[in-house]
């Protein structure tokens, strides 16, 4: 939790430190050589996350970026393409890896206001079987996207459309358990059951352990055994074989056991921050659905984002403003820290 000497770090939910209990689990983890497939902690993690989400197999990888790369290159061959949203992480924020390393062409589409892509736009983007075109092989969705929960009815419809057109379906579920937490809150269900229900719509799912779940490193790619065998080869080419990776896998396993149910606390803190900023002149606050809060500067304050971020840093609060102001809540932030952030932001606009 927040300490008096540490900054209130709201830049991302990737900034968390392992808890004392997680560190103990890492210290006690049995290890082997995962490149040879004999690290028991990695194997246990892979079996666990695959079973949780209803897949045959899973692959532990260092990062979500590598997980998505392995997925896209396992679904698509050179000269083929995947349909993806303009703001999707695997298109916009991963250095063009699928195109650079795999010669797989992205076909980006615009998002609707709720983060979806219009079904008609997806269908229209699927290329005919003609030598003039790259072959469309894959639909990639992300949930959550910019902190927004994709409506489950839409997920079902979009993936059913893709399946009917012969496309594979991949989910960048870096924050899948945040999505499942929000979906469970809406429907009164169980978080793990909702995560499995979302995952069932896809042929492959990537899950990040180092975001809201609070592990220091790692993601998992889930799919069929045949698919994971292909992904394993790509992971090797991409330098993702980590040898005695059990110390990291143990942290991820601990997170799955102990940090899923607490995600609702992060969502509540994001709402607390939004409520605390309501009515501040010059700020437009987008109501958060999960643990990410986006804020736009308007009017005379529109060009003062860099000045605001510098002010917050002086006040012991860290945030990002790459394209909009973003505040991420996580297990290293508590209500006191959120209230400090509210006070720091409000003080900027009173100056």
Protein backbone atom coordinates (compact mmCIF):
# COMPACT_ATOMS: atom_id res chain seq x y z
CA UNK A 1 0.00 0.00 0.00
CA UNK A 2 0.96 3.65 -0.24
CA UNK A 3 3.68 4.83 2.16
CA UNK A 4 4.27 8.38 3.28
CA UNK A 5 7.69 8.52 1.60
CA UNK A 6 6.81 6.91 -1.72
CA UNK A 7 5.14 8.80 -4.59
CA UNK A 8 1.54 8.00 -5.46
CA UNK A 9 2.33 6.24 -8.72
CA UNK A 10 -0.71 6.27 -10.99
CA UNK A 11 1.22 5.95 -14.27
CA UNK A 12 0.25 2.31 -14.80
CA UNK A 13 -0.77 -0.85 -12.99
CA UNK A 14 2.57 -2.28 -14.14
CA UNK A 15 4.47 -0.34 -11.47
CA UNK A 16 3.50 -2.56 -8.54
CA UNK A 17 6.12 -4.25 -6.35
CA UNK A 18 5.75 -7.88 -5.29
CA UNK A 19 4.15 -8.20 -1.88
CA UNK A 20 6.06 -9.88 0.93
CA UNK A 21 3.95 -13.00 0.52
CA UNK A 22 4.59 -13.05 -3.22
CA UNK A 23 8.32 -12.70 -2.63
CA UNK A 24 8.17 -15.66 -0.25
CA UNK A 25 6.41 -17.74 -2.91
CA UNK A 26 9.10 -16.78 -5.43
CA UNK A 27 11.87 -17.70 -2.98
CA UNK A 28 10.35 -21.12 -2.31
CA UNK A 29 9.59 -21.95 -5.96
CA UNK A 30 11.04 -25.20 -7.33
CA UNK A 31 12.79 -24.51 -10.63
CA UNK A 32 14.18 -26.33 -13.62
CA UNK A 33 15.09 -25.39 -17.18
CA UNK A 34 11.95 -24.23 -18.95
CA UNK A 35 13.58 -24.38 -22.38
CA UNK A 36 13.77 -28.13 -21.78
CA UNK A 37 10.24 -28.03 -20.40
CA UNK A 38 11.21 -29.22 -16.93
CA UNK A 39 10.58 -26.19 -14.73
CA UNK A 40 7.83 -27.46 -12.41
CA UNK A 41 6.65 -23.99 -11.40
CA UNK A 42 6.27 -22.87 -15.02
CA UNK A 43 4.49 -26.08 -15.94
CA UNK A 44 2.12 -25.70 -13.00
CA UNK A 45 1.32 -22.10 -13.96
CA UNK A 46 0.66 -23.03 -17.57
CA UNK A 47 -1.67 -25.85 -16.55
CA UNK A 48 -3.44 -23.59 -14.08
CA UNK A 49 -4.17 -20.66 -16.37
CA UNK A 50 -5.17 -22.94 -19.26
CA UNK A 51 -7.57 -24.78 -16.98
CA UNK A 52 -9.01 -21.57 -15.53
CA UNK A 53 -9.84 -20.24 -18.98
CA UNK A 54 -10.94 -23.52 -20.56
CA UNK A 55 -8.03 -24.18 -22.93
CA UNK A 56 -5.92 -27.25 -23.58
CA UNK A 57 -2.56 -25.57 -23.05
CA UNK A 58 -0.75 -22.34 -22.24
CA UNK A 59 2.69 -20.81 -22.72
CA UNK A 60 4.45 -18.56 -20.20
CA UNK A 61 6.18 -15.61 -21.90
CA UNK A 62 8.08 -12.58 -20.59
CA UNK A 63 5.67 -9.89 -21.83
CA UNK A 64 2.23 -9.27 -23.22
CA UNK A 65 3.80 -7.85 -26.36
CA UNK A 66 5.59 -11.14 -26.99
CA UNK A 67 2.41 -13.05 -26.18
CA UNK A 68 0.45 -11.15 -28.81
CA UNK A 69 3.30 -11.53 -31.31
CA UNK A 70 3.40 -15.29 -30.78
CA UNK A 71 -0.37 -15.43 -31.18
CA UNK A 72 -0.58 -13.43 -34.40
CA UNK A 73 2.33 -15.26 -36.03
CA UNK A 74 0.85 -18.61 -34.99
CA UNK A 75 -2.50 -17.76 -36.57
CA UNK A 76 -1.17 -15.99 -39.68
CA UNK A 77 1.51 -16.65 -42.29
CA UNK A 78 3.59 -14.16 -44.27
CA UNK A 79 1.43 -12.09 -46.61
CA UNK A 80 -1.73 -12.64 -44.57
CA UNK A 81 -3.52 -10.11 -42.37
CA UNK A 82 -5.40 -9.60 -39.14
CA UNK A 83 -8.31 -7.24 -38.46
CA UNK A 84 -7.75 -5.10 -35.38
CA UNK A 85 -8.85 -1.82 -33.79
CA UNK A 86 -6.96 1.43 -34.29
CA UNK A 87 -6.33 1.73 -30.54
CA UNK A 88 -5.65 -1.96 -29.90
CA UNK A 89 -2.38 -2.62 -28.12
CA UNK A 90 -1.25 -5.30 -30.57
CA UNK A 91 -1.59 -2.80 -33.44
CA UNK A 92 -0.76 0.61 -32.03
CA UNK A 93 1.56 0.06 -29.07
CA UNK A 94 3.73 -2.94 -29.93
CA UNK A 95 6.13 -1.46 -32.47
CA UNK A 96 4.46 -3.05 -35.49
CA UNK A 97 5.96 -6.39 -34.47
CA UNK A 98 3.64 -8.64 -36.49
CA UNK A 99 4.47 -6.70 -39.66
CA UNK A 100 8.18 -6.30 -38.90
CA UNK A 101 8.94 -9.84 -37.75
CA UNK A 102 6.22 -11.85 -39.46
CA UNK A 103 5.26 -9.89 -42.58
CA UNK A 104 1.68 -10.08 -41.34
CA UNK A 105 -0.37 -7.06 -42.39
CA UNK A 106 -2.70 -5.36 -39.91
CA UNK A 107 -6.06 -4.08 -41.14
CA UNK A 108 -6.95 -1.47 -38.51
CA UNK A 109 -10.54 -0.28 -38.06
CA UNK A 110 -11.98 2.65 -36.17
CA UNK A 111 -13.59 2.11 -32.79
CA UNK A 112 -17.06 3.08 -31.71
CA UNK A 113 -17.38 5.15 -28.54
CA UNK A 114 -17.73 1.99 -26.41
CA UNK A 115 -14.51 0.48 -27.76
CA UNK A 116 -16.17 -1.91 -30.18
CA UNK A 117 -15.65 -2.07 -33.93
CA UNK A 118 -18.82 -2.05 -36.01
CA UNK A 119 -19.77 -5.55 -37.13
CA UNK A 120 -20.47 -4.24 -40.64
CA UNK A 121 -16.99 -2.71 -40.76
CA UNK A 122 -15.41 -6.01 -39.70
CA UNK A 123 -17.30 -7.91 -42.37
CA UNK A 124 -16.45 -5.33 -45.03
CA UNK A 125 -12.75 -5.53 -44.14
CA UNK A 126 -12.53 -9.27 -44.83
CA UNK A 127 -10.77 -9.58 -48.18
CA UNK A 128 -12.08 -11.77 -51.00
CA UNK A 129 -9.97 -14.75 -52.07
CA UNK A 130 -8.13 -12.90 -54.80
CA UNK A 131 -4.44 -12.61 -55.62
CA UNK A 132 -4.64 -8.83 -55.30
CA UNK A 133 -5.25 -9.02 -51.57
CA UNK A 134 -3.60 -10.27 -48.45
CA UNK A 135 -5.58 -13.18 -47.02
CA UNK A 136 -7.62 -12.21 -43.98
CA UNK A 137 -6.98 -14.83 -41.32
CA UNK A 138 -7.62 -13.37 -37.88
CA UNK A 139 -9.82 -11.05 -35.84
CA UNK A 140 -8.04 -9.58 -32.80
CA UNK A 141 -10.03 -7.96 -30.00
CA UNK A 142 -8.87 -6.43 -26.72
CA UNK A 143 -10.77 -6.55 -23.43
CA UNK A 144 -10.55 -4.28 -21.57
CA UNK A 145 -9.72 -1.64 -24.18
CA UNK A 146 -8.62 1.67 -22.70
CA UNK A 147 -10.17 0.56 -19.46
CA UNK A 148 -13.54 -0.13 -21.10
CA UNK A 149 -15.33 -3.45 -20.85
CA UNK A 150 -16.39 -4.74 -24.25
CA UNK A 151 -20.09 -5.67 -23.99
CA UNK A 152 -20.31 -9.45 -23.83
CA UNK A 153 -23.11 -9.57 -26.41
CA UNK A 154 -20.80 -7.75 -28.81
CA UNK A 155 -17.92 -10.14 -28.09
CA UNK A 156 -20.21 -13.05 -28.92
CA UNK A 157 -21.45 -11.41 -32.11
CA UNK A 158 -18.05 -10.31 -33.38
CA UNK A 159 -16.38 -13.66 -32.75
CA UNK A 160 -19.34 -15.54 -34.25
CA UNK A 161 -19.03 -13.37 -37.36
CA UNK A 162 -15.31 -14.11 -37.58
CA UNK A 163 -15.90 -17.84 -37.16
CA UNK A 164 -18.58 -17.84 -39.87
CA UNK A 165 -16.08 -16.25 -42.26
CA UNK A 166 -13.35 -18.76 -41.46
CA UNK A 167 -11.26 -16.40 -39.34
CA UNK A 168 -9.39 -17.31 -36.16
CA UNK A 169 -10.15 -15.20 -33.10
CA UNK A 170 -7.54 -13.83 -30.68
CA UNK A 171 -8.14 -11.88 -27.49
CA UNK A 172 -5.56 -9.55 -26.04
CA UNK A 173 -6.81 -10.05 -22.51
CA UNK A 174 -3.94 -8.26 -20.79
CA UNK A 175 -6.56 -7.04 -18.30
CA UNK A 176 -8.98 -9.93 -18.79
CA UNK A 177 -9.59 -10.28 -15.06
CA UNK A 178 -10.41 -6.58 -14.80
CA UNK A 179 -12.93 -7.13 -17.60
CA UNK A 180 -14.31 -10.16 -15.80
CA UNK A 181 -14.55 -8.21 -12.53
CA UNK A 182 -16.58 -5.47 -14.22
CA UNK A 183 -18.73 -8.00 -16.06
CA UNK A 184 -19.38 -9.95 -12.87
CA UNK A 185 -20.41 -6.73 -11.10
CA UNK A 186 -22.89 -5.99 -13.88
CA UNK A 187 -24.41 -9.44 -13.92
CA UNK A 188 -23.94 -10.57 -10.34
CA UNK A 189 -21.71 -13.43 -11.40
CA UNK A 190 -18.38 -14.94 -10.37
CA UNK A 191 -15.24 -13.27 -11.66
CA UNK A 192 -13.50 -16.50 -12.66
CA UNK A 193 -16.61 -17.80 -14.39
CA UNK A 194 -16.93 -14.54 -16.33
CA UNK A 195 -13.27 -14.70 -17.39
CA UNK A 196 -13.84 -18.23 -18.68
CA UNK A 197 -17.04 -17.16 -20.47
CA UNK A 198 -15.22 -14.35 -22.27
CA UNK A 199 -12.30 -16.63 -23.15
CA UNK A 200 -14.63 -19.27 -24.60
CA UNK A 201 -15.38 -16.95 -27.52
CA UNK A 202 -11.77 -17.09 -28.74
CA UNK A 203 -9.25 -19.52 -30.20
CA UNK A 204 -6.44 -17.90 -28.23
CA UNK A 205 -6.20 -15.55 -25.26
CA UNK A 206 -3.27 -13.59 -23.87
CA UNK A 207 -3.35 -12.74 -20.15
CA UNK A 208 -0.91 -10.41 -18.38
CA UNK A 209 0.21 -11.10 -14.82
CA UNK A 210 2.22 -7.88 -14.36
CA UNK A 211 -0.65 -5.41 -14.66
CA UNK A 212 -3.59 -5.51 -12.28
CA UNK A 213 -2.62 -8.90 -10.87
CA UNK A 214 0.60 -7.41 -9.49
CA UNK A 215 3.27 -9.92 -10.53
CA UNK A 216 6.64 -8.43 -11.49
CA UNK A 217 6.90 -10.06 -14.94
CA UNK A 218 5.06 -12.25 -17.35
CA UNK A 219 2.07 -13.13 -19.49
CA UNK A 220 0.49 -16.36 -20.67
CA UNK A 221 -0.84 -17.31 -24.08
CA UNK A 222 -3.62 -19.91 -24.02
CA UNK A 223 -4.96 -22.06 -26.84
CA UNK A 224 -5.10 -25.57 -28.23
CA UNK A 225 -2.09 -27.85 -27.84
CA UNK A 226 -1.34 -27.57 -31.56
CA UNK A 227 -1.55 -23.79 -31.44
CA UNK A 228 0.68 -23.55 -28.36
CA UNK A 229 3.26 -25.81 -30.02
CA UNK A 230 3.48 -23.30 -32.87
CA UNK A 231 3.65 -20.41 -30.42
CA UNK A 232 6.43 -22.16 -28.48
CA UNK A 233 8.59 -22.20 -31.62
CA UNK A 234 7.97 -18.49 -32.17
CA UNK A 235 8.73 -17.73 -28.52
CA UNK A 236 12.10 -19.40 -29.02
CA UNK A 237 12.84 -17.30 -32.12
CA UNK A 238 11.80 -14.17 -30.24
CA UNK A 239 14.19 -14.93 -27.38
CA UNK A 240 11.49 -15.77 -24.87
CA UNK A 241 12.99 -18.95 -23.42
CA UNK A 242 13.84 -17.94 -19.85
CA UNK A 243 15.51 -21.07 -18.38
CA UNK A 244 14.88 -21.13 -14.58
CA UNK A 245 11.74 -19.05 -14.92
CA UNK A 246 9.96 -20.73 -12.03
CA UNK A 247 10.70 -17.85 -9.68
CA UNK A 248 8.64 -15.63 -12.00
CA UNK A 249 5.96 -18.24 -12.62
CA UNK A 250 5.53 -18.61 -8.87
CA UNK A 251 4.73 -14.91 -8.60
CA UNK A 252 2.12 -15.26 -11.35
CA UNK A 253 0.59 -18.31 -9.67
CA UNK A 254 0.43 -16.43 -6.38
CA UNK A 255 -1.31 -13.55 -8.16
CA UNK A 256 -3.92 -15.89 -9.64
CA UNK A 257 -4.59 -17.30 -6.19
CA UNK A 258 -4.64 -14.07 -4.17
CA UNK A 259 -5.04 -10.98 -6.36
CA UNK A 260 -8.06 -11.59 -8.58
CA UNK A 261 -10.74 -10.91 -6.00
CA UNK A 262 -9.10 -7.64 -4.89
CA UNK A 263 -9.37 -6.08 -8.40
CA UNK A 264 -12.76 -4.70 -7.39
CA UNK A 265 -10.90 -2.47 -4.91
CA UNK A 266 -8.92 -0.92 -7.77
CA UNK A 267 -12.13 -0.24 -9.68
CA UNK A 268 -13.63 1.45 -6.64
CA UNK A 269 -10.53 3.63 -6.21
CA UNK A 270 -10.76 4.74 -9.84
CA UNK A 271 -14.37 5.78 -9.20
CA UNK A 272 -13.25 7.59 -6.04
CA UNK A 273 -10.70 9.55 -8.07
CA UNK A 274 -13.29 10.38 -10.74
CA UNK A 275 -15.77 11.58 -8.13
CA UNK A 276 -13.08 13.71 -6.51
CA UNK A 277 -12.34 15.46 -9.80
CA UNK A 278 -15.94 16.06 -10.78
CA UNK A 279 -16.74 19.70 -11.33
CA UNK A 280 -13.16 20.93 -11.65
CA UNK A 281 -13.20 23.67 -14.35
CA UNK A 282 -11.03 22.72 -17.30
CA UNK A 283 -11.31 18.97 -16.71
CA UNK A 284 -13.52 16.48 -18.51
CA UNK A 285 -13.52 13.21 -16.61
CA UNK A 286 -14.59 10.01 -18.34
CA UNK A 287 -16.43 7.77 -15.89
CA UNK A 288 -14.19 4.72 -15.34
CA UNK A 289 -15.48 1.19 -15.86
CA UNK A 290 -12.43 -0.55 -14.41
CA UNK A 291 -9.10 0.66 -12.99
CA UNK A 292 -8.14 3.22 -15.65
CA UNK A 293 -9.34 6.80 -15.49
CA UNK A 294 -8.95 9.10 -18.49
CA UNK A 295 -9.12 12.87 -18.14
CA UNK A 296 -9.08 15.54 -20.86
CA UNK A 297 -8.04 19.16 -20.38
CA UNK A 298 -10.44 21.61 -21.97
CA UNK A 299 -10.73 25.33 -22.64
CA UNK A 300 -7.84 27.46 -21.35
CA UNK A 301 -6.27 24.40 -19.70
CA UNK A 302 -6.11 22.37 -22.90
CA UNK A 303 -2.39 22.91 -23.52
CA UNK A 304 -1.25 22.63 -19.91
CA UNK A 305 -0.93 18.84 -19.59
CA UNK A 306 2.88 18.90 -19.30
CA UNK A 307 2.62 21.67 -16.68
CA UNK A 308 0.02 19.66 -14.75
CA UNK A 309 2.12 16.50 -14.80
CA UNK A 310 5.14 18.45 -13.51
CA UNK A 311 3.00 19.96 -10.75
CA UNK A 312 1.72 16.54 -9.74
CA UNK A 313 5.25 15.17 -9.60
CA UNK A 314 6.22 17.98 -7.24
CA UNK A 315 3.25 17.01 -5.10
CA UNK A 316 4.32 13.36 -5.00
CA UNK A 317 1.87 12.07 -7.61
CA UNK A 318 2.94 10.39 -10.87
CA UNK A 319 0.68 10.13 -13.92
CA UNK A 320 1.03 9.89 -17.70
CA UNK A 321 -0.26 12.02 -20.54
CA UNK A 322 0.94 10.36 -23.73
CA UNK A 323 -2.28 11.15 -25.57
CA UNK A 324 -4.74 11.85 -22.75
CA UNK A 325 -4.18 12.11 -19.01
CA UNK A 326 -4.39 8.60 -17.61
CA UNK A 327 -4.51 7.46 -14.01
CA UNK A 328 -4.23 3.75 -13.16
CA UNK A 329 -5.19 2.33 -9.79
CA UNK A 330 -3.55 -0.83 -8.48
CA UNK A 331 -2.62 -2.77 -5.36
CA UNK A 332 0.12 -0.31 -4.35
CA UNK A 333 -2.37 2.59 -4.08
CA UNK A 334 -4.94 3.08 -1.32
CA UNK A 335 -7.74 5.55 -0.60
CA UNK A 336 -5.35 7.92 1.18
CA UNK A 337 -3.15 8.05 -1.91
CA UNK A 338 -6.14 8.71 -4.14
CA UNK A 339 -7.24 11.55 -1.91
CA UNK A 340 -3.71 12.99 -2.09
CA UNK A 341 -3.90 12.83 -5.88
CA UNK A 342 -7.29 14.57 -5.88
CA UNK A 343 -5.91 17.34 -3.71
CA UNK A 344 -2.83 17.77 -5.92
CA UNK A 345 -4.89 18.03 -9.10
CA UNK A 346 -7.36 20.44 -7.57
CA UNK A 347 -4.56 22.62 -6.23
CA UNK A 348 -3.18 23.03 -9.77
CA UNK A 349 -6.45 24.49 -11.00
CA UNK A 350 -6.72 26.82 -7.99
CA UNK A 351 -3.27 28.30 -8.63
